[in-house]
Amino acid sequence: MRALELFCGQAHARESDVAESIRRSGIRPTHTPAVMLTKWRFGMDRLPTYELTKSFRLLVTLLGIADTRRRMLYCAEGCGHAGHNLPSPPGNAS
């Protein structure tokens, strides 16, 4: 969870991305991870085990939103980010 929070920071997630990440993730805005993120609070790795799946879904969605924006704004012409330059899967991969 902590690494995922760091990835969101590296992708330049913004507080303005939070509402969309809550909507896309399917997490209710009243769930603890959503409330924490709405207040721009992290440390979800310290939440009880039953909150971790919701936290993971929310942070992965936030990362997707931030990374998509980053790719469009800064990496459209190519970049050196390892995660943006993964090799194509083999032709028979499903």
C-alpha atoms as a PDB file:
ATOM      1  CA  MET A   1       0.000   0.000   0.000  1.00  0.00           C
ATOM      2  CA  ARG A   2       2.812   2.371   0.870  1.00  0.00           C
ATOM      3  CA  ALA A   3       4.528   1.760  -2.474  1.00  0.00           C
ATOM      4  CA  LEU A   4       1.260   2.425  -4.291  1.00  0.00           C
ATOM      5  CA  GLU A   5       0.920   5.738  -2.449  1.00  0.00           C
ATOM      6  CA  LEU A   6       4.446   6.631  -3.569  1.00  0.00           C
ATOM      7  CA  PHE A   7       3.623   5.690  -7.177  1.00  0.00           C
ATOM      8  CA  CYS A   8       0.641   8.064  -7.042  1.00  0.00           C
ATOM      9  CA  GLY A   9       3.001  10.798  -5.908  1.00  0.00           C
ATOM     10  CA  GLN A  10       5.456  10.029  -8.695  1.00  0.00           C
ATOM     11  CA  ALA A  11       2.634  10.200 -11.238  1.00  0.00           C
ATOM     12  CA  HIS A  12       1.728  13.654  -9.847  1.00  0.00           C
ATOM     13  CA  ALA A  13      -1.732  12.766  -8.580  1.00  0.00           C
ATOM     14  CA  ARG A  14      -3.715  15.841  -7.627  1.00  0.00           C
ATOM     15  CA  GLU A  15      -6.347  16.486  -5.009  1.00  0.00           C
ATOM     16  CA  SER A  16      -8.635  17.373  -7.902  1.00  0.00           C
ATOM     17  CA  ASP A  17      -8.345  13.735  -9.091  1.00  0.00           C
ATOM     18  CA  VAL A  18      -9.869  12.346  -5.905  1.00  0.00           C
ATOM     19  CA  ALA A  19     -13.571  12.658  -6.734  1.00  0.00           C
ATOM     20  CA  GLU A  20     -13.072  10.938 -10.085  1.00  0.00           C
ATOM     21  CA  SER A  21     -10.988   8.169  -8.532  1.00  0.00           C
ATOM     22  CA  ILE A  22     -13.714   7.519  -5.965  1.00  0.00           C
ATOM     23  CA  ARG A  23     -16.357   7.415  -8.706  1.00  0.00           C
ATOM     24  CA  ARG A  24     -14.355   5.112 -10.993  1.00  0.00           C
ATOM     25  CA  SER A  25     -13.232   2.752  -8.240  1.00  0.00           C
ATOM     26  CA  GLY A  26     -16.773   2.003  -7.104  1.00  0.00           C
ATOM     27  CA  ILE A  27     -15.846   2.791  -3.511  1.00  0.00           C
ATOM     28  CA  ARG A  28     -18.519   4.687  -1.611  1.00  0.00           C
ATOM     29  CA  PRO A  29     -17.453   8.221  -0.649  1.00  0.00           C
ATOM     30  CA  THR A  30     -18.209   7.362   2.987  1.00  0.00           C
ATOM     31  CA  HIS A  31     -15.741   4.458   3.170  1.00  0.00           C
ATOM     32  CA  THR A  32     -12.677   5.230   5.264  1.00  0.00           C
ATOM     33  CA  PRO A  33     -10.108   5.158   2.412  1.00  0.00           C
ATOM     34  CA  ALA A  34     -12.264   7.543   0.351  1.00  0.00           C
ATOM     35  CA  VAL A  35     -12.677   9.908   3.288  1.00  0.00           C
ATOM     36  CA  MET A  36      -8.925   9.826   3.906  1.00  0.00           C
ATOM     37  CA  LEU A  37      -8.158  10.567   0.272  1.00  0.00           C
ATOM     38  CA  THR A  38     -10.746  13.358   0.145  1.00  0.00           C
ATOM     39  CA  LYS A  39      -8.790  15.008   2.967  1.00  0.00           C
ATOM     40  CA  TRP A  40      -5.534  14.223   1.076  1.00  0.00           C
ATOM     41  CA  ARG A  41      -4.460  11.925   3.892  1.00  0.00           C
ATOM     42  CA  PHE A  42      -2.447   8.822   3.185  1.00  0.00           C
ATOM     43  CA  GLY A  43      -1.214   6.005   5.413  1.00  0.00           C
ATOM     44  CA  MET A  44      -3.808   3.541   4.220  1.00  0.00           C
ATOM     45  CA  ASP A  45      -1.342   0.748   4.949  1.00  0.00           C
ATOM     46  CA  ARG A  46      -2.175   1.292   8.625  1.00  0.00           C
ATOM     47  CA  LEU A  47      -5.895   0.670   8.141  1.00  0.00           C
ATOM     48  CA  PRO A  48      -7.509  -2.591   9.296  1.00  0.00           C
ATOM     49  CA  THR A  49      -7.216  -5.534   6.926  1.00  0.00           C
ATOM     50  CA  TYR A  50     -10.848  -5.294   5.826  1.00  0.00           C
ATOM     51  CA  GLU A  51     -10.148  -1.787   4.426  1.00  0.00           C
ATOM     52  CA  LEU A  52      -7.131  -2.806   2.332  1.00  0.00           C
ATOM     53  CA  THR A  53      -9.027  -4.027  -0.744  1.00  0.00           C
ATOM     54  CA  LYS A  54     -10.969  -0.761  -0.920  1.00  0.00           C
ATOM     55  CA  SER A  55      -7.754   1.202  -0.379  1.00  0.00           C
ATOM     56  CA  PHE A  56      -5.999  -0.731  -3.140  1.00  0.00           C
ATOM     57  CA  ARG A  57      -8.832  -0.189  -5.635  1.00  0.00           C
ATOM     58  CA  LEU A  58      -8.943   3.503  -4.845  1.00  0.00           C
ATOM     59  CA  LEU A  59      -5.193   4.070  -5.108  1.00  0.00           C
ATOM     60  CA  VAL A  60      -4.855   2.051  -8.325  1.00  0.00           C
ATOM     61  CA  THR A  61      -7.629   4.153  -9.830  1.00  0.00           C
ATOM     62  CA  LEU A  62      -5.955   7.373  -8.658  1.00  0.00           C
ATOM     63  CA  LEU A  63      -2.680   6.180 -10.163  1.00  0.00           C
ATOM     64  CA  GLY A  64      -4.418   5.409 -13.463  1.00  0.00           C
ATOM     65  CA  ILE A  65      -5.922   8.889 -13.649  1.00  0.00           C
ATOM     66  CA  ALA A  66      -2.658  10.633 -12.791  1.00  0.00           C
ATOM     67  CA  ASP A  67      -0.510   8.464 -15.051  1.00  0.00           C
ATOM     68  CA  THR A  68      -2.873   8.898 -18.008  1.00  0.00           C
ATOM     69  CA  ARG A  69      -2.603  12.662 -17.642  1.00  0.00           C
ATOM     70  CA  ARG A  70       1.172  12.428 -17.296  1.00  0.00           C
ATOM     71  CA  ARG A  71       1.472  10.309 -20.429  1.00  0.00           C
ATOM     72  CA  MET A  72      -0.670  12.739 -22.428  1.00  0.00           C
ATOM     73  CA  LEU A  73       1.082  15.885 -21.200  1.00  0.00           C
ATOM     74  CA  TYR A  74       4.705  14.855 -20.844  1.00  0.00           C
ATOM     75  CA  CYS A  75       5.253  11.524 -22.536  1.00  0.00           C
ATOM     76  CA  ALA A  76       3.275  11.735 -25.789  1.00  0.00           C
ATOM     77  CA  GLU A  77       6.455  12.192 -27.833  1.00  0.00           C
ATOM     78  CA  GLY A  78       8.233   9.385 -25.982  1.00  0.00           C
ATOM     79  CA  CYS A  79       9.941   9.262 -22.624  1.00  0.00           C
ATOM     80  CA  GLY A  80      12.380   7.291 -20.537  1.00  0.00           C
ATOM     81  CA  HIS A  81       9.887   6.091 -17.921  1.00  0.00           C
ATOM     82  CA  ALA A  82      10.347   2.328 -17.675  1.00  0.00           C
ATOM     83  CA  GLY A  83       6.634   1.705 -17.091  1.00  0.00           C
ATOM     84  CA  HIS A  84       5.760   3.624 -20.250  1.00  0.00           C
ATOM     85  CA  ASN A  85       8.138   1.601 -22.402  1.00  0.00           C
ATOM     86  CA  LEU A  86       7.287  -2.002 -21.647  1.00  0.00           C
ATOM     87  CA  PRO A  87       7.867  -4.505 -24.451  1.00  0.00           C
ATOM     88  CA  SER A  88       4.812  -5.757 -26.304  1.00  0.00           C
ATOM     89  CA  PRO A  89       3.563  -9.143 -25.127  1.00  0.00           C
ATOM     90  CA  PRO A  90       4.278 -12.126 -27.363  1.00  0.00           C
ATOM     91  CA  GLY A  91       1.747 -12.668 -30.137  1.00  0.00           C
ATOM     92  CA  ASN A  92       0.216 -15.696 -28.449  1.00  0.00           C
ATOM     93  CA  ALA A  93      -0.241 -14.028 -25.041  1.00  0.00           C
ATOM     94  CA  SER A  94      -3.799 -13.603 -23.917  1.00  0.00           C
END
